[in-house]
Every structure is written in C-alpha cells, then in structure tokens.
Amino acid sequence: MRLSPGVSRPFDKRTPSHQCGTVKMGDDPATSPLDPFCRAFEHKNLFVVDASFLPNSAAVNPTLSIAAQALRVAEHIRKADLAA
C-alpha cells in the first residue's frame, strides 16, 4: 500500500480517522482552488463544503466545523447569488 506524505502507517477499519484537507481555500486562484466561501475559482457553480476544505484534522470529529462552514457558505450564496 502506497502512503501519502504525512501518513506513517496504513489505516484500516480499526483505526479511527478523519480525513481532511485536499482542497485549499484562499484569496489567490494561483495557489488555492477555492475562495474563502468554498467556491471554486474555475467553476463558479461549484462549492466544496465537506472535510476537504479544512487544512488538517484536529484529531476530533470535524462534523460541527463542516456544518458551521456549510451554514456560512449557504448564507453567503443566499445573500450574494440569490438576492433579487
């Protein structure tokens, strides 16, 4: 089994883990695929609001952080994109 950088041993069903951090948020599309509201710079109708926007795992369940970000992003979409 090939391991990614930072992973020192394989995970199996006995090892609890919270995989996070594959899609970086930022202000610069040259260094980050997502803006601060998790909108893809290259695909304006794509929002990534799962554990991948998190920079890493805090060794605790990230569900509440993901839910809070989803509510934040939804509010932004409502105000910025759906305002009539």
PDB file of N, CA and C in Angstrom:
ATOM      1  N   MET A   1       0.846  -1.178   0.000  1.00  0.00           N
ATOM      2  CA  MET A   1       0.000   0.000   0.000  1.00  0.00           C
ATOM      3  C   MET A   1       0.891   1.240   0.000  1.00  0.00           C
ATOM      4  N   ARG A   2       0.625   2.144  -0.932  1.00  0.00           N
ATOM      5  CA  ARG A   2       1.388   3.388  -1.009  1.00  0.00           C
ATOM      6  C   ARG A   2       0.756   4.423  -0.088  1.00  0.00           C
ATOM      7  N   LEU A   3       1.556   5.073   0.728  1.00  0.00           N
ATOM      8  CA  LEU A   3       1.051   6.056   1.679  1.00  0.00           C
ATOM      9  C   LEU A   3       1.338   7.465   1.193  1.00  0.00           C
ATOM     10  N   SER A   4       0.414   8.373   1.473  1.00  0.00           N
ATOM     11  CA  SER A   4       0.634   9.770   1.108  1.00  0.00           C
ATOM     12  C   SER A   4       1.597  10.408   2.105  1.00  0.00           C
ATOM     13  N   PRO A   5       2.227  11.534   1.730  1.00  0.00           N
ATOM     14  CA  PRO A   5       3.127  12.216   2.670  1.00  0.00           C
ATOM     15  C   PRO A   5       2.382  12.575   3.946  1.00  0.00           C
ATOM     16  N   GLY A   6       2.987  12.405   5.065  1.00  0.00           N
ATOM     17  CA  GLY A   6       2.367  12.713   6.344  1.00  0.00           C
ATOM     18  C   GLY A   6       1.663  11.535   6.987  1.00  0.00           C
ATOM     19  N   VAL A   7       1.401  10.476   6.227  1.00  0.00           N
ATOM     20  CA  VAL A   7       0.773   9.281   6.785  1.00  0.00           C
ATOM     21  C   VAL A   7       1.880   8.262   7.013  1.00  0.00           C
ATOM     22  N   SER A   8       2.031   7.870   8.255  1.00  0.00           N
ATOM     23  CA  SER A   8       3.149   6.986   8.580  1.00  0.00           C
ATOM     24  C   SER A   8       2.770   5.513   8.607  1.00  0.00           C
ATOM     25  N   ARG A   9       1.474   5.212   8.632  1.00  0.00           N
ATOM     26  CA  ARG A   9       1.052   3.815   8.616  1.00  0.00           C
ATOM     27  C   ARG A   9      -0.316   3.726   7.961  1.00  0.00           C
ATOM     28  N   PRO A  10      -0.648   2.567   7.416  1.00  0.00           N
ATOM     29  CA  PRO A  10      -1.951   2.425   6.764  1.00  0.00           C
ATOM     30  C   PRO A  10      -3.095   2.472   7.775  1.00  0.00           C
ATOM     31  N   PHE A  11      -4.225   2.972   7.325  1.00  0.00           N
ATOM     32  CA  PHE A  11      -5.431   2.976   8.137  1.00  0.00           C
ATOM     33  C   PHE A  11      -6.303   1.809   7.712  1.00  0.00           C
ATOM     34  N   ASP A  12      -6.890   1.127   8.673  1.00  0.00           N
ATOM     35  CA  ASP A  12      -7.879   0.108   8.355  1.00  0.00           C
ATOM     36  C   ASP A  12      -9.112   0.376   9.205  1.00  0.00           C
ATOM     37  N   LYS A  13     -10.046  -0.550   9.218  1.00  0.00           N
ATOM     38  CA  LYS A  13     -11.308  -0.296   9.916  1.00  0.00           C
ATOM     39  C   LYS A  13     -11.152  -0.186  11.437  1.00  0.00           C
ATOM     40  N   ARG A  14     -10.011  -0.603  11.974  1.00  0.00           N
ATOM     41  CA  ARG A  14      -9.790  -0.495  13.420  1.00  0.00           C
ATOM     42  C   ARG A  14      -9.223   0.859  13.819  1.00  0.00           C
ATOM     43  N   THR A  15      -8.781   1.647  12.871  1.00  0.00           N
ATOM     44  CA  THR A  15      -8.139   2.923  13.162  1.00  0.00           C
ATOM     45  C   THR A  15      -9.104   4.065  12.874  1.00  0.00           C
ATOM     46  N   PRO A  16      -9.544   4.776  13.912  1.00  0.00           N
ATOM     47  CA  PRO A  16     -10.426   5.914  13.651  1.00  0.00           C
ATOM     48  C   PRO A  16      -9.618   7.048  13.021  1.00  0.00           C
ATOM     49  N   SER A  17     -10.199   7.677  12.031  1.00  0.00           N
ATOM     50  CA  SER A  17      -9.503   8.808  11.409  1.00  0.00           C
ATOM     51  C   SER A  17     -10.522   9.730  10.768  1.00  0.00           C
ATOM     52  N   HIS A  18     -10.132  10.961  10.612  1.00  0.00           N
ATOM     53  CA  HIS A  18     -10.966  11.955   9.957  1.00  0.00           C
ATOM     54  C   HIS A  18     -10.118  12.566   8.860  1.00  0.00           C
ATOM     55  N   GLN A  19     -10.338  12.116   7.656  1.00  0.00           N
ATOM     56  CA  GLN A  19      -9.545  12.593   6.532  1.00  0.00           C
ATOM     57  C   GLN A  19     -10.012  13.984   6.131  1.00  0.00           C
ATOM     58  N   CYS A  20      -9.078  14.919   6.124  1.00  0.00           N
ATOM     59  CA  CYS A  20      -9.379  16.314   5.817  1.00  0.00           C
ATOM     60  C   CYS A  20      -8.267  16.884   4.943  1.00  0.00           C
ATOM     61  N   GLY A  21      -8.585  17.972   4.296  1.00  0.00           N
ATOM     62  CA  GLY A  21      -7.548  18.790   3.694  1.00  0.00           C
ATOM     63  C   GLY A  21      -7.039  18.394   2.337  1.00  0.00           C
ATOM     64  N   THR A  22      -7.875  18.405   1.321  1.00  0.00           N
ATOM     65  CA  THR A  22      -7.380  18.147  -0.022  1.00  0.00           C
ATOM     66  C   THR A  22      -7.650  19.301  -0.982  1.00  0.00           C
ATOM     67  N   VAL A  23      -8.496  20.265  -0.571  1.00  0.00           N
ATOM     68  CA  VAL A  23      -8.830  21.399  -1.430  1.00  0.00           C
ATOM     69  C   VAL A  23      -8.643  22.684  -0.629  1.00  0.00           C
ATOM     70  N   LYS A  24      -7.567  23.378  -0.886  1.00  0.00           N
ATOM     71  CA  LYS A  24      -7.188  24.558  -0.108  1.00  0.00           C
ATOM     72  C   LYS A  24      -8.068  25.770  -0.426  1.00  0.00           C
ATOM     73  N   MET A  25      -8.438  26.517   0.614  1.00  0.00           N
ATOM     74  CA  MET A  25      -9.138  27.792   0.445  1.00  0.00           C
ATOM     75  C   MET A  25      -8.118  28.919   0.471  1.00  0.00           C
ATOM     76  N   GLY A  26      -8.413  29.999  -0.237  1.00  0.00           N
ATOM     77  CA  GLY A  26      -7.542  31.162  -0.209  1.00  0.00           C
ATOM     78  C   GLY A  26      -8.063  32.266  -1.103  1.00  0.00           C
ATOM     79  N   ASP A  27      -7.323  33.364  -1.161  1.00  0.00           N
ATOM     80  CA  ASP A  27      -7.724  34.510  -1.971  1.00  0.00           C
ATOM     81  C   ASP A  27      -7.123  34.497  -3.371  1.00  0.00           C
ATOM     82  N   ASP A  28      -6.101  33.698  -3.578  1.00  0.00           N
ATOM     83  CA  ASP A  28      -5.370  33.698  -4.844  1.00  0.00           C
ATOM     84  C   ASP A  28      -5.636  32.419  -5.624  1.00  0.00           C
ATOM     85  N   PRO A  29      -6.263  32.510  -6.805  1.00  0.00           N
ATOM     86  CA  PRO A  29      -6.536  31.305  -7.586  1.00  0.00           C
ATOM     87  C   PRO A  29      -5.279  30.581  -8.050  1.00  0.00           C
ATOM     88  N   ALA A  30      -4.143  31.254  -8.032  1.00  0.00           N
ATOM     89  CA  ALA A  30      -2.892  30.600  -8.430  1.00  0.00           C
ATOM     90  C   ALA A  30      -2.411  29.616  -7.371  1.00  0.00           C
ATOM     91  N   THR A  31      -2.843  29.808  -6.126  1.00  0.00           N
ATOM     92  CA  THR A  31      -2.372  28.939  -5.041  1.00  0.00           C
ATOM     93  C   THR A  31      -3.490  28.152  -4.354  1.00  0.00           C
ATOM     94  N   SER A  32      -4.741  28.488  -4.654  1.00  0.00           N
ATOM     95  CA  SER A  32      -5.873  27.837  -3.996  1.00  0.00           C
ATOM     96  C   SER A  32      -7.003  27.611  -4.994  1.00  0.00           C
ATOM     97  N   PRO A  33      -7.565  26.419  -5.037  1.00  0.00           N
ATOM     98  CA  PRO A  33      -8.691  26.185  -5.932  1.00  0.00           C
ATOM     99  C   PRO A  33     -10.002  26.807  -5.445  1.00  0.00           C
ATOM    100  N   LEU A  34     -10.110  27.089  -4.129  1.00  0.00           N
ATOM    101  CA  LEU A  34     -11.349  27.622  -3.567  1.00  0.00           C
ATOM    102  C   LEU A  34     -11.151  29.008  -2.993  1.00  0.00           C
ATOM    103  N   ASP A  35     -12.190  29.850  -3.100  1.00  0.00           N
ATOM    104  CA  ASP A  35     -12.152  31.147  -2.437  1.00  0.00           C
ATOM    105  C   ASP A  35     -12.547  30.964  -0.966  1.00  0.00           C
ATOM    106  N   PRO A  36     -12.537  32.022  -0.149  1.00  0.00           N
ATOM    107  CA  PRO A  36     -12.865  31.873   1.274  1.00  0.00           C
ATOM    108  C   PRO A  36     -14.284  31.386   1.572  1.00  0.00           C
ATOM    109  N   PHE A  37     -15.167  31.400   0.571  1.00  0.00           N
ATOM    110  CA  PHE A  37     -16.509  30.854   0.754  1.00  0.00           C
ATOM    111  C   PHE A  37     -16.659  29.492   0.095  1.00  0.00           C
ATOM    112  N   CYS A  38     -15.550  28.813  -0.129  1.00  0.00           N
ATOM    113  CA  CYS A  38     -15.517  27.452  -0.675  1.00  0.00           C
ATOM    114  C   CYS A  38     -16.022  27.355  -2.104  1.00  0.00           C
ATOM    115  N   ARG A  39     -16.066  28.474  -2.828  1.00  0.00           N
ATOM    116  CA  ARG A  39     -16.464  28.459  -4.237  1.00  0.00           C
ATOM    117  C   ARG A  39     -15.224  28.218  -5.082  1.00  0.00           C
ATOM    118  N   ALA A  40     -15.337  27.314  -6.032  1.00  0.00           N
ATOM    119  CA  ALA A  40     -14.211  27.034  -6.927  1.00  0.00           C
ATOM    120  C   ALA A  40     -13.966  28.248  -7.823  1.00  0.00           C
ATOM    121  N   PHE A  41     -12.710  28.654  -7.931  1.00  0.00           N
ATOM    122  CA  PHE A  41     -12.374  29.778  -8.794  1.00  0.00           C
ATOM    123  C   PHE A  41     -12.675  29.462 -10.263  1.00  0.00           C
ATOM    124  N   GLU A  42     -12.448  28.236 -10.677  1.00  0.00           N
ATOM    125  CA  GLU A  42     -12.595  27.880 -12.083  1.00  0.00           C
ATOM    126  C   GLU A  42     -14.008  27.424 -12.466  1.00  0.00           C
ATOM    127  N   HIS A  43     -14.838  27.112 -11.480  1.00  0.00           N
ATOM    128  CA  HIS A  43     -16.209  26.649 -11.751  1.00  0.00           C
ATOM    129  C   HIS A  43     -17.128  27.373 -10.781  1.00  0.00           C
ATOM    130  N   LYS A  44     -17.724  28.469 -11.208  1.00  0.00           N
ATOM    131  CA  LYS A  44     -18.468  29.365 -10.316  1.00  0.00           C
ATOM    132  C   LYS A  44     -19.694  28.727  -9.661  1.00  0.00           C
ATOM    133  N   ASN A  45     -20.205  27.635 -10.192  1.00  0.00           N
ATOM    134  CA  ASN A  45     -21.357  26.967  -9.573  1.00  0.00           C
ATOM    135  C   ASN A  45     -20.948  25.795  -8.688  1.00  0.00           C
ATOM    136  N   LEU A  46     -19.659  25.666  -8.408  1.00  0.00           N
ATOM    137  CA  LEU A  46     -19.176  24.558  -7.584  1.00  0.00           C
ATOM    138  C   LEU A  46     -18.714  25.079  -6.230  1.00  0.00           C
ATOM    139  N   PHE A  47     -19.324  24.571  -5.182  1.00  0.00           N
ATOM    140  CA  PHE A  47     -18.918  24.861  -3.808  1.00  0.00           C
ATOM    141  C   PHE A  47     -18.498  23.545  -3.170  1.00  0.00           C
ATOM    142  N   VAL A  48     -17.373  23.544  -2.484  1.00  0.00           N
ATOM    143  CA  VAL A  48     -16.855  22.338  -1.834  1.00  0.00           C
ATOM    144  C   VAL A  48     -16.969  22.541  -0.321  1.00  0.00           C
ATOM    145  N   VAL A  49     -18.000  21.952   0.254  1.00  0.00           N
ATOM    146  CA  VAL A  49     -18.230  22.134   1.684  1.00  0.00           C
ATOM    147  C   VAL A  49     -18.308  20.763   2.337  1.00  0.00           C
ATOM    148  N   ASP A  50     -17.189  20.084   2.338  1.00  0.00           N
ATOM    149  CA  ASP A  50     -17.038  18.834   3.073  1.00  0.00           C
ATOM    150  C   ASP A  50     -15.716  18.948   3.818  1.00  0.00           C
ATOM    151  N   ALA A  51     -15.191  17.889   4.328  1.00  0.00           N
ATOM    152  CA  ALA A  51     -13.962  17.958   5.125  1.00  0.00           C
ATOM    153  C   ALA A  51     -12.731  18.362   4.318  1.00  0.00           C
ATOM    154  N   SER A  52     -12.827  18.361   3.007  1.00  0.00           N
ATOM    155  CA  SER A  52     -11.634  18.670   2.213  1.00  0.00           C
ATOM    156  C   SER A  52     -11.209  20.124   2.302  1.00  0.00           C
ATOM    157  N   PHE A  53     -12.098  21.062   2.644  1.00  0.00           N
ATOM    158  CA  PHE A  53     -11.683  22.459   2.757  1.00  0.00           C
ATOM    159  C   PHE A  53     -10.879  22.720   4.029  1.00  0.00           C
ATOM    160  N   LEU A  54     -10.974  21.828   5.003  1.00  0.00           N
ATOM    161  CA  LEU A  54     -10.221  22.005   6.252  1.00  0.00           C
ATOM    162  C   LEU A  54      -8.724  21.782   5.997  1.00  0.00           C
ATOM    163  N   PRO A  55      -7.856  22.586   6.602  1.00  0.00           N
ATOM    164  CA  PRO A  55      -6.423  22.411   6.343  1.00  0.00           C
ATOM    165  C   PRO A  55      -5.854  21.106   6.893  1.00  0.00           C
ATOM    166  N   ASN A  56      -6.404  20.614   8.006  1.00  0.00           N
ATOM    167  CA  ASN A  56      -5.985  19.335   8.576  1.00  0.00           C
ATOM    168  C   ASN A  56      -6.997  18.916   9.626  1.00  0.00           C
ATOM    169  N   SER A  57      -6.780  17.773  10.213  1.00  0.00           N
ATOM    170  CA  SER A  57      -7.683  17.277  11.240  1.00  0.00           C
ATOM    171  C   SER A  57      -7.143  17.627  12.616  1.00  0.00           C
ATOM    172  N   ALA A  58      -8.026  18.046  13.490  1.00  0.00           N
ATOM    173  CA  ALA A  58      -7.628  18.380  14.857  1.00  0.00           C
ATOM    174  C   ALA A  58      -7.689  17.156  15.764  1.00  0.00           C
ATOM    175  N   ALA A  59      -7.770  15.986  15.190  1.00  0.00           N
ATOM    176  CA  ALA A  59      -7.844  14.716  15.920  1.00  0.00           C
ATOM    177  C   ALA A  59      -9.165  14.575  16.676  1.00  0.00           C
ATOM    178  N   VAL A  60     -10.153  15.354  16.287  1.00  0.00           N
ATOM    179  CA  VAL A  60     -11.508  15.212  16.811  1.00  0.00           C
ATOM    180  C   VAL A  60     -12.453  15.176  15.612  1.00  0.00           C
ATOM    181  N   ASN A  61     -13.668  14.762  15.841  1.00  0.00           N
ATOM    182  CA  ASN A  61     -14.630  14.682  14.759  1.00  0.00           C
ATOM    183  C   ASN A  61     -14.890  16.077  14.185  1.00  0.00           C
ATOM    184  N   PRO A  62     -14.723  16.269  12.863  1.00  0.00           N
ATOM    185  CA  PRO A  62     -14.870  17.596  12.265  1.00  0.00           C
ATOM    186  C   PRO A  62     -16.302  17.963  11.859  1.00  0.00           C
ATOM    187  N   THR A  63     -17.285  17.156  12.226  1.00  0.00           N
ATOM    188  CA  THR A  63     -18.645  17.354  11.737  1.00  0.00           C
ATOM    189  C   THR A  63     -19.207  18.731  12.067  1.00  0.00           C
ATOM    190  N   LEU A  64     -19.031  19.218  13.281  1.00  0.00           N
ATOM    191  CA  LEU A  64     -19.588  20.525  13.637  1.00  0.00           C
ATOM    192  C   LEU A  64     -18.910  21.656  12.869  1.00  0.00           C
ATOM    193  N   SER A  65     -17.613  21.534  12.633  1.00  0.00           N
ATOM    194  CA  SER A  65     -16.906  22.552  11.836  1.00  0.00           C
ATOM    195  C   SER A  65     -17.407  22.552  10.397  1.00  0.00           C
ATOM    196  N   ILE A  66     -17.641  21.380   9.851  1.00  0.00           N
ATOM    197  CA  ILE A  66     -18.154  21.270   8.485  1.00  0.00           C
ATOM    198  C   ILE A  66     -19.565  21.850   8.416  1.00  0.00           C
ATOM    199  N   ALA A  67     -20.402  21.537   9.391  1.00  0.00           N
ATOM    200  CA  ALA A  67     -21.769  22.062   9.409  1.00  0.00           C
ATOM    201  C   ALA A  67     -21.768  23.578   9.539  1.00  0.00           C
ATOM    202  N   ALA A  68     -20.913  24.123  10.391  1.00  0.00           N
ATOM    203  CA  ALA A  68     -20.830  25.575  10.550  1.00  0.00           C
ATOM    204  C   ALA A  68     -20.386  26.242   9.256  1.00  0.00           C
ATOM    205  N   GLN A  69     -19.413  25.661   8.581  1.00  0.00           N
ATOM    206  CA  GLN A  69     -18.965  26.218   7.306  1.00  0.00           C
ATOM    207  C   GLN A  69     -20.069  26.108   6.259  1.00  0.00           C
ATOM    208  N   ALA A  70     -20.791  25.015   6.239  1.00  0.00           N
ATOM    209  CA  ALA A  70     -21.891  24.853   5.281  1.00  0.00           C
ATOM    210  C   ALA A  70     -22.960  25.916   5.500  1.00  0.00           C
ATOM    211  N   LEU A  71     -23.292  26.210   6.747  1.00  0.00           N
ATOM    212  CA  LEU A  71     -24.269  27.265   7.036  1.00  0.00           C
ATOM    213  C   LEU A  71     -23.740  28.632   6.614  1.00  0.00           C
ATOM    214  N   ARG A  72     -22.467  28.885   6.849  1.00  0.00           N
ATOM    215  CA  ARG A  72     -21.827  30.147   6.451  1.00  0.00           C
ATOM    216  C   ARG A  72     -21.862  30.307   4.934  1.00  0.00           C
ATOM    217  N   VAL A  73     -21.500  29.258   4.215  1.00  0.00           N
ATOM    218  CA  VAL A  73     -21.496  29.292   2.755  1.00  0.00           C
ATOM    219  C   VAL A  73     -22.919  29.450   2.223  1.00  0.00           C
ATOM    220  N   ALA A  74     -23.870  28.735   2.794  1.00  0.00           N
ATOM    221  CA  ALA A  74     -25.265  28.844   2.353  1.00  0.00           C
ATOM    222  C   ALA A  74     -25.789  30.266   2.529  1.00  0.00           C
ATOM    223  N   GLU A  75     -25.467  30.889   3.627  1.00  0.00           N
ATOM    224  CA  GLU A  75     -25.880  32.280   3.862  1.00  0.00           C
ATOM    225  C   GLU A  75     -25.247  33.217   2.835  1.00  0.00           C
ATOM    226  N   HIS A  76     -23.983  32.981   2.528  1.00  0.00           N
ATOM    227  CA  HIS A  76     -23.297  33.785   1.506  1.00  0.00           C
ATOM    228  C   HIS A  76     -23.964  33.599   0.138  1.00  0.00           C
ATOM    229  N   ILE A  77     -24.277  32.367  -0.226  1.00  0.00           N
ATOM    230  CA  ILE A  77     -24.952  32.109  -1.502  1.00  0.00           C
ATOM    231  C   ILE A  77     -26.307  32.823  -1.545  1.00  0.00           C
ATOM    232  N   ARG A  78     -27.048  32.728  -0.447  1.00  0.00           N
ATOM    233  CA  ARG A  78     -28.364  33.367  -0.386  1.00  0.00           C
ATOM    234  C   ARG A  78     -28.243  34.876  -0.581  1.00  0.00           C
ATOM    235  N   LYS A  79     -27.279  35.497   0.104  1.00  0.00           N
ATOM    236  CA  LYS A  79     -27.136  36.955   0.018  1.00  0.00           C
ATOM    237  C   LYS A  79     -26.485  37.414  -1.289  1.00  0.00           C
ATOM    238  N   ALA A  80     -25.461  36.715  -1.745  1.00  0.00           N
ATOM    239  CA  ALA A  80     -24.693  37.184  -2.894  1.00  0.00           C
ATOM    240  C   ALA A  80     -25.225  36.688  -4.233  1.00  0.00           C
ATOM    241  N   ASP A  81     -25.694  35.469  -4.287  1.00  0.00           N
ATOM    242  CA  ASP A  81     -26.079  34.871  -5.572  1.00  0.00           C
ATOM    243  C   ASP A  81     -27.580  34.799  -5.806  1.00  0.00           C
ATOM    244  N   LEU A  82     -28.351  34.717  -4.753  1.00  0.00           N
ATOM    245  CA  LEU A  82     -29.790  34.537  -4.910  1.00  0.00           C
ATOM    246  C   LEU A  82     -30.594  35.797  -4.590  1.00  0.00           C
ATOM    247  N   ALA A  83     -29.907  36.866  -4.231  1.00  0.00           N
ATOM    248  CA  ALA A  83     -30.603  38.117  -3.904  1.00  0.00           C
ATOM    249  C   ALA A  83     -31.295  38.658  -5.157  1.00  0.00           C
ATOM    250  N   ALA A  84     -32.521  39.031  -4.994  1.00  0.00           N
ATOM    251  CA  ALA A  84     -33.267  39.539  -6.158  1.00  0.00           C
ATOM    252  C   ALA A  84     -33.452  41.029  -6.085  1.00  0.00           C
TER     253      ALA A  84
END
